[in-house]
Amino acid sequence: MATRGRKPKPTALKVLEGNPGKRPLNKNEPKPEKKAPRCPSWLEPEAKKEWKRMAKTLEAIGILTKVDAAAFAGYCQAYAMWKEAEEFLSKHGTIFKTPSGYIQQVPQVSIAQTYLKIMKDF
């Protein structure tokens, strides 16, 4: 099944950008309380740091609300896992030699790529 095209941009972002397409703004868009959700206690320490780093900015521009808690937590966890994989790659490189002498890519390469895609989808 084909996708329906680009995801609609939140009205708050269109306003910040000056509505470059000059299309009518959605006046019926749901307007949840503009207060950032609390950081979940179960997040990894690195994910909590990312939550604190990004939450204030996203709340200030009006695109992070309590409704977004689960998705934003997923982004932060993906960031923590991506960073861990990238740190491994920085220390150990992207390839290794197997006991039988073959050269292979370390699993952290695909792990980093997977989590980067998850982050970009947020």
N, C-alpha and C. Protein backbone atom coordinates (compact mmCIF):
# COMPACT_ATOMS: atom_id res chain seq x y z
N MET A 1 0.84 -1.18 0.00
CA MET A 1 0.00 0.00 0.00
C MET A 1 0.89 1.24 0.00
N ALA A 2 0.59 2.15 -0.83
CA ALA A 2 1.40 3.37 -0.96
C ALA A 2 1.11 4.33 0.18
N THR A 3 2.11 5.14 0.49
CA THR A 3 1.90 6.17 1.51
C THR A 3 1.18 7.35 0.88
N ARG A 4 0.62 8.18 1.72
CA ARG A 4 -0.21 9.27 1.20
C ARG A 4 0.55 10.56 0.96
N GLY A 5 1.83 10.54 1.01
CA GLY A 5 2.61 11.75 0.78
C GLY A 5 3.23 12.26 2.07
N ARG A 6 3.65 13.50 2.04
CA ARG A 6 4.28 14.09 3.22
C ARG A 6 3.31 14.17 4.39
N LYS A 7 3.87 14.04 5.58
CA LYS A 7 3.07 14.21 6.78
C LYS A 7 2.74 15.69 6.91
N PRO A 8 1.54 16.02 7.34
CA PRO A 8 1.20 17.43 7.50
C PRO A 8 2.09 18.09 8.55
N LYS A 9 2.50 19.29 8.26
CA LYS A 9 3.34 20.05 9.18
C LYS A 9 2.44 20.72 10.22
N PRO A 10 2.84 20.67 11.50
CA PRO A 10 2.02 21.35 12.51
C PRO A 10 1.89 22.84 12.21
N THR A 11 0.73 23.39 12.52
CA THR A 11 0.47 24.81 12.27
C THR A 11 1.50 25.69 12.96
N ALA A 12 1.93 25.29 14.17
CA ALA A 12 2.92 26.08 14.90
C ALA A 12 4.21 26.23 14.09
N LEU A 13 4.63 25.17 13.40
CA LEU A 13 5.83 25.26 12.57
C LEU A 13 5.60 26.15 11.35
N LYS A 14 4.43 26.04 10.74
CA LYS A 14 4.12 26.89 9.59
C LYS A 14 4.18 28.36 9.97
N VAL A 15 3.64 28.68 11.14
CA VAL A 15 3.65 30.07 11.62
C VAL A 15 5.08 30.53 11.85
N LEU A 16 5.91 29.68 12.47
CA LEU A 16 7.31 30.04 12.72
C LEU A 16 8.07 30.30 11.42
N GLU A 17 7.74 29.53 10.38
CA GLU A 17 8.42 29.68 9.09
C GLU A 17 7.82 30.78 8.23
N GLY A 18 6.77 31.43 8.72
CA GLY A 18 6.15 32.50 7.96
C GLY A 18 5.17 32.01 6.91
N ASN A 19 4.73 30.76 7.01
CA ASN A 19 3.79 30.16 6.06
C ASN A 19 4.24 30.39 4.62
N PRO A 20 5.41 29.82 4.24
CA PRO A 20 5.97 30.09 2.91
C PRO A 20 5.05 29.71 1.75
N GLY A 21 4.20 28.69 1.91
CA GLY A 21 3.29 28.29 0.83
C GLY A 21 2.06 29.16 0.75
N LYS A 22 1.86 30.03 1.72
CA LYS A 22 0.71 30.94 1.79
C LYS A 22 -0.63 30.20 1.72
N ARG A 23 -0.62 28.94 2.13
CA ARG A 23 -1.86 28.18 2.16
C ARG A 23 -2.60 28.52 3.45
N PRO A 24 -3.91 28.33 3.47
CA PRO A 24 -4.66 28.63 4.69
C PRO A 24 -4.18 27.74 5.85
N LEU A 25 -4.06 28.34 7.02
CA LEU A 25 -3.64 27.58 8.19
C LEU A 25 -4.84 26.82 8.74
N ASN A 26 -4.57 25.66 9.30
CA ASN A 26 -5.62 24.82 9.85
C ASN A 26 -6.13 25.40 11.17
N LYS A 27 -7.30 25.97 11.15
CA LYS A 27 -7.87 26.56 12.37
C LYS A 27 -8.51 25.50 13.27
N ASN A 28 -8.73 24.31 12.73
CA ASN A 28 -9.37 23.24 13.50
C ASN A 28 -8.37 22.22 14.04
N GLU A 29 -7.08 22.53 13.95
CA GLU A 29 -6.07 21.62 14.46
C GLU A 29 -6.24 21.44 15.96
N PRO A 30 -6.15 20.21 16.46
CA PRO A 30 -6.25 20.01 17.91
C PRO A 30 -5.18 20.83 18.62
N LYS A 31 -5.54 21.40 19.75
CA LYS A 31 -4.60 22.23 20.50
C LYS A 31 -4.43 21.69 21.92
N PRO A 32 -3.56 20.68 22.08
CA PRO A 32 -3.34 20.17 23.43
C PRO A 32 -2.61 21.22 24.28
N GLU A 33 -2.65 21.02 25.59
CA GLU A 33 -1.98 21.95 26.50
C GLU A 33 -0.51 22.04 26.12
N LYS A 34 -0.02 23.27 25.97
CA LYS A 34 1.36 23.48 25.52
C LYS A 34 2.33 23.41 26.69
N LYS A 35 2.39 22.24 27.30
CA LYS A 35 3.32 22.02 28.39
C LYS A 35 4.04 20.72 28.10
N ALA A 36 5.36 20.75 28.20
CA ALA A 36 6.14 19.56 27.90
C ALA A 36 5.85 18.47 28.93
N PRO A 37 5.82 17.23 28.48
CA PRO A 37 5.62 16.13 29.42
C PRO A 37 6.85 15.94 30.31
N ARG A 38 6.66 15.29 31.43
CA ARG A 38 7.79 15.02 32.32
C ARG A 38 8.63 13.89 31.73
N CYS A 39 9.91 13.95 31.99
CA CYS A 39 10.82 12.92 31.52
C CYS A 39 10.53 11.61 32.25
N PRO A 40 10.27 10.52 31.52
CA PRO A 40 9.99 9.24 32.17
C PRO A 40 11.20 8.73 32.95
N SER A 41 10.96 8.15 34.10
CA SER A 41 12.05 7.66 34.95
C SER A 41 12.75 6.45 34.34
N TRP A 42 12.08 5.72 33.46
CA TRP A 42 12.64 4.50 32.90
C TRP A 42 13.60 4.73 31.73
N LEU A 43 13.76 5.97 31.29
CA LEU A 43 14.68 6.24 30.18
C LEU A 43 16.12 5.96 30.59
N GLU A 44 16.93 5.56 29.63
CA GLU A 44 18.37 5.39 29.85
C GLU A 44 18.96 6.75 30.22
N PRO A 45 20.07 6.77 30.98
CA PRO A 45 20.66 8.06 31.37
C PRO A 45 20.97 8.98 30.19
N GLU A 46 21.50 8.43 29.11
CA GLU A 46 21.81 9.26 27.93
C GLU A 46 20.53 9.78 27.28
N ALA A 47 19.48 8.98 27.31
CA ALA A 47 18.18 9.40 26.77
C ALA A 47 17.60 10.54 27.60
N LYS A 48 17.80 10.48 28.91
CA LYS A 48 17.33 11.56 29.79
C LYS A 48 18.05 12.87 29.47
N LYS A 49 19.34 12.77 29.19
CA LYS A 49 20.10 13.98 28.82
C LYS A 49 19.54 14.59 27.53
N GLU A 50 19.23 13.74 26.56
CA GLU A 50 18.68 14.22 25.30
C GLU A 50 17.30 14.82 25.53
N TRP A 51 16.51 14.22 26.40
CA TRP A 51 15.18 14.75 26.74
C TRP A 51 15.34 16.17 27.26
N LYS A 52 16.24 16.35 28.22
CA LYS A 52 16.43 17.67 28.83
C LYS A 52 16.95 18.67 27.80
N ARG A 53 17.83 18.22 26.91
CA ARG A 53 18.41 19.11 25.89
C ARG A 53 17.35 19.59 24.90
N MET A 54 16.48 18.70 24.45
CA MET A 54 15.54 19.03 23.39
C MET A 54 14.18 19.53 23.86
N ALA A 55 13.73 19.08 25.02
CA ALA A 55 12.35 19.37 25.46
C ALA A 55 12.08 20.86 25.58
N LYS A 56 13.01 21.62 26.15
CA LYS A 56 12.78 23.05 26.34
C LYS A 56 12.59 23.77 25.00
N THR A 57 13.43 23.45 24.05
CA THR A 57 13.34 24.09 22.74
C THR A 57 12.05 23.71 22.03
N LEU A 58 11.72 22.43 22.02
CA LEU A 58 10.50 21.98 21.34
C LEU A 58 9.25 22.54 22.01
N GLU A 59 9.28 22.66 23.33
CA GLU A 59 8.13 23.25 24.03
C GLU A 59 8.02 24.73 23.70
N ALA A 60 9.16 25.41 23.63
CA ALA A 60 9.15 26.86 23.35
C ALA A 60 8.56 27.19 21.99
N ILE A 61 8.79 26.33 21.01
CA ILE A 61 8.24 26.61 19.68
C ILE A 61 6.86 25.97 19.48
N GLY A 62 6.35 25.34 20.53
CA GLY A 62 4.98 24.86 20.51
C GLY A 62 4.73 23.53 19.84
N ILE A 63 5.77 22.68 19.72
CA ILE A 63 5.54 21.40 19.06
C ILE A 63 5.77 20.20 19.97
N LEU A 64 5.96 20.43 21.26
CA LEU A 64 6.05 19.31 22.21
C LEU A 64 5.01 19.53 23.29
N THR A 65 4.07 18.60 23.36
CA THR A 65 3.01 18.68 24.36
C THR A 65 2.92 17.33 25.07
N LYS A 66 2.04 17.24 26.04
CA LYS A 66 1.87 15.99 26.78
C LYS A 66 1.45 14.84 25.87
N VAL A 67 0.78 15.15 24.80
CA VAL A 67 0.34 14.13 23.85
C VAL A 67 1.53 13.43 23.20
N ASP A 68 2.65 14.11 23.12
CA ASP A 68 3.83 13.60 22.43
C ASP A 68 4.77 12.78 23.32
N ALA A 69 4.40 12.52 24.56
CA ALA A 69 5.31 11.90 25.53
C ALA A 69 5.90 10.58 25.03
N ALA A 70 5.07 9.67 24.55
CA ALA A 70 5.56 8.36 24.14
C ALA A 70 6.47 8.46 22.92
N ALA A 71 6.07 9.25 21.93
CA ALA A 71 6.89 9.39 20.72
C ALA A 71 8.22 10.05 21.04
N PHE A 72 8.20 11.09 21.89
CA PHE A 72 9.43 11.78 22.24
C PHE A 72 10.34 10.88 23.07
N ALA A 73 9.76 10.07 23.95
CA ALA A 73 10.55 9.11 24.72
C ALA A 73 11.21 8.11 23.78
N GLY A 74 10.47 7.67 22.75
CA GLY A 74 11.05 6.77 21.76
C GLY A 74 12.20 7.40 21.02
N TYR A 75 12.05 8.68 20.65
CA TYR A 75 13.15 9.40 20.00
C TYR A 75 14.37 9.44 20.91
N CYS A 76 14.16 9.78 22.18
CA CYS A 76 15.28 9.92 23.11
C CYS A 76 15.98 8.58 23.34
N GLN A 77 15.21 7.49 23.44
CA GLN A 77 15.82 6.17 23.58
C GLN A 77 16.61 5.81 22.33
N ALA A 78 16.06 6.12 21.16
CA ALA A 78 16.76 5.85 19.90
C ALA A 78 18.06 6.65 19.85
N TYR A 79 18.02 7.89 20.32
CA TYR A 79 19.22 8.72 20.35
C TYR A 79 20.29 8.07 21.23
N ALA A 80 19.89 7.59 22.41
CA ALA A 80 20.84 6.97 23.33
C ALA A 80 21.48 5.73 22.70
N MET A 81 20.67 4.91 22.05
CA MET A 81 21.20 3.69 21.42
C MET A 81 22.09 4.03 20.22
N TRP A 82 21.69 5.02 19.44
CA TRP A 82 22.50 5.47 18.30
C TRP A 82 23.85 5.98 18.79
N LYS A 83 23.84 6.78 19.83
CA LYS A 83 25.08 7.35 20.35
C LYS A 83 26.00 6.24 20.87
N GLU A 84 25.43 5.26 21.55
CA GLU A 84 26.23 4.14 22.05
C GLU A 84 26.90 3.39 20.90
N ALA A 85 26.15 3.13 19.83
CA ALA A 85 26.70 2.44 18.67
C ALA A 85 27.78 3.27 18.00
N GLU A 86 27.56 4.58 17.87
CA GLU A 86 28.55 5.46 17.25
C GLU A 86 29.83 5.54 18.08
N GLU A 87 29.71 5.56 19.40
CA GLU A 87 30.89 5.58 20.26
C GLU A 87 31.69 4.29 20.10
N PHE A 88 31.00 3.16 19.99
CA PHE A 88 31.67 1.88 19.75
C PHE A 88 32.44 1.94 18.43
N LEU A 89 31.79 2.45 17.39
CA LEU A 89 32.43 2.52 16.07
C LEU A 89 33.64 3.44 16.09
N SER A 90 33.58 4.52 16.85
CA SER A 90 34.71 5.44 16.94
C SER A 90 35.92 4.76 17.59
N LYS A 91 35.66 3.91 18.56
CA LYS A 91 36.75 3.23 19.28
C LYS A 91 37.28 2.01 18.53
N HIS A 92 36.37 1.24 17.91
CA HIS A 92 36.75 -0.07 17.38
C HIS A 92 36.72 -0.18 15.86
N GLY A 93 36.21 0.82 15.18
CA GLY A 93 36.14 0.76 13.73
C GLY A 93 34.89 0.05 13.24
N THR A 94 34.76 -0.04 11.93
CA THR A 94 33.54 -0.57 11.34
C THR A 94 33.66 -2.01 10.83
N ILE A 95 34.86 -2.55 10.79
CA ILE A 95 35.04 -3.91 10.29
C ILE A 95 35.90 -4.72 11.27
N PHE A 96 35.79 -6.05 11.16
CA PHE A 96 36.63 -6.94 11.95
C PHE A 96 36.91 -8.19 11.14
N LYS A 97 37.93 -8.92 11.56
CA LYS A 97 38.29 -10.15 10.88
C LYS A 97 37.76 -11.32 11.70
N THR A 98 37.04 -12.21 11.04
CA THR A 98 36.48 -13.38 11.72
C THR A 98 37.60 -14.38 12.01
N PRO A 99 37.36 -15.35 12.90
CA PRO A 99 38.39 -16.37 13.17
C PRO A 99 38.84 -17.12 11.92
N SER A 100 37.97 -17.21 10.92
CA SER A 100 38.34 -17.90 9.69
C SER A 100 39.00 -16.98 8.67
N GLY A 101 39.19 -15.69 9.03
CA GLY A 101 39.92 -14.78 8.17
C GLY A 101 39.09 -13.86 7.29
N TYR A 102 37.79 -13.98 7.34
CA TYR A 102 36.94 -13.11 6.54
C TYR A 102 36.80 -11.73 7.19
N ILE A 103 36.65 -10.73 6.35
CA ILE A 103 36.41 -9.37 6.83
C ILE A 103 34.89 -9.15 6.88
N GLN A 104 34.41 -8.68 8.02
CA GLN A 104 32.98 -8.42 8.16
C GLN A 104 32.74 -7.06 8.79
N GLN A 105 31.57 -6.54 8.53
CA GLN A 105 31.13 -5.29 9.15
C GLN A 105 30.65 -5.60 10.57
N VAL A 106 31.02 -4.76 11.52
CA VAL A 106 30.55 -4.96 12.90
C VAL A 106 29.05 -4.66 12.96
N PRO A 107 28.31 -5.35 13.82
CA PRO A 107 26.86 -5.14 13.90
C PRO A 107 26.47 -3.71 14.28
N GLN A 108 27.35 -3.00 14.95
CA GLN A 108 27.01 -1.64 15.39
C GLN A 108 26.77 -0.69 14.22
N VAL A 109 27.29 -1.01 13.04
CA VAL A 109 27.03 -0.16 11.87
C VAL A 109 25.54 -0.18 11.54
N SER A 110 24.96 -1.37 11.44
CA SER A 110 23.53 -1.43 11.12
C SER A 110 22.68 -0.98 12.30
N ILE A 111 23.16 -1.19 13.52
CA ILE A 111 22.44 -0.69 14.70
C ILE A 111 22.37 0.83 14.66
N ALA A 112 23.50 1.47 14.39
CA ALA A 112 23.53 2.94 14.30
C ALA A 112 22.61 3.44 13.19
N GLN A 113 22.64 2.78 12.04
CA GLN A 113 21.78 3.19 10.92
C GLN A 113 20.30 3.04 11.26
N THR A 114 19.95 1.96 11.94
CA THR A 114 18.56 1.72 12.32
C THR A 114 18.06 2.81 13.26
N TYR A 115 18.84 3.11 14.29
CA TYR A 115 18.40 4.11 15.26
C TYR A 115 18.43 5.52 14.68
N LEU A 116 19.33 5.79 13.75
CA LEU A 116 19.33 7.09 13.08
C LEU A 116 18.04 7.27 12.27
N LYS A 117 17.60 6.21 11.61
CA LYS A 117 16.34 6.28 10.85
C LYS A 117 15.16 6.54 11.79
N ILE A 118 15.14 5.87 12.93
CA ILE A 118 14.07 6.10 13.91
C ILE A 118 14.06 7.55 14.36
N MET A 119 15.25 8.09 14.63
CA MET A 119 15.35 9.49 15.06
C MET A 119 14.85 10.44 13.97
N LYS A 120 15.22 10.17 12.73
CA LYS A 120 14.80 11.04 11.62
C LYS A 120 13.29 10.98 11.41
N ASP A 121 12.69 9.83 11.69
CA ASP A 121 11.24 9.69 11.54
C ASP A 121 10.47 10.49 12.58
N PHE A 122 11.11 10.82 13.69
CA PHE A 122 10.43 11.60 14.72
C PHE A 122 10.13 12.97 14.17
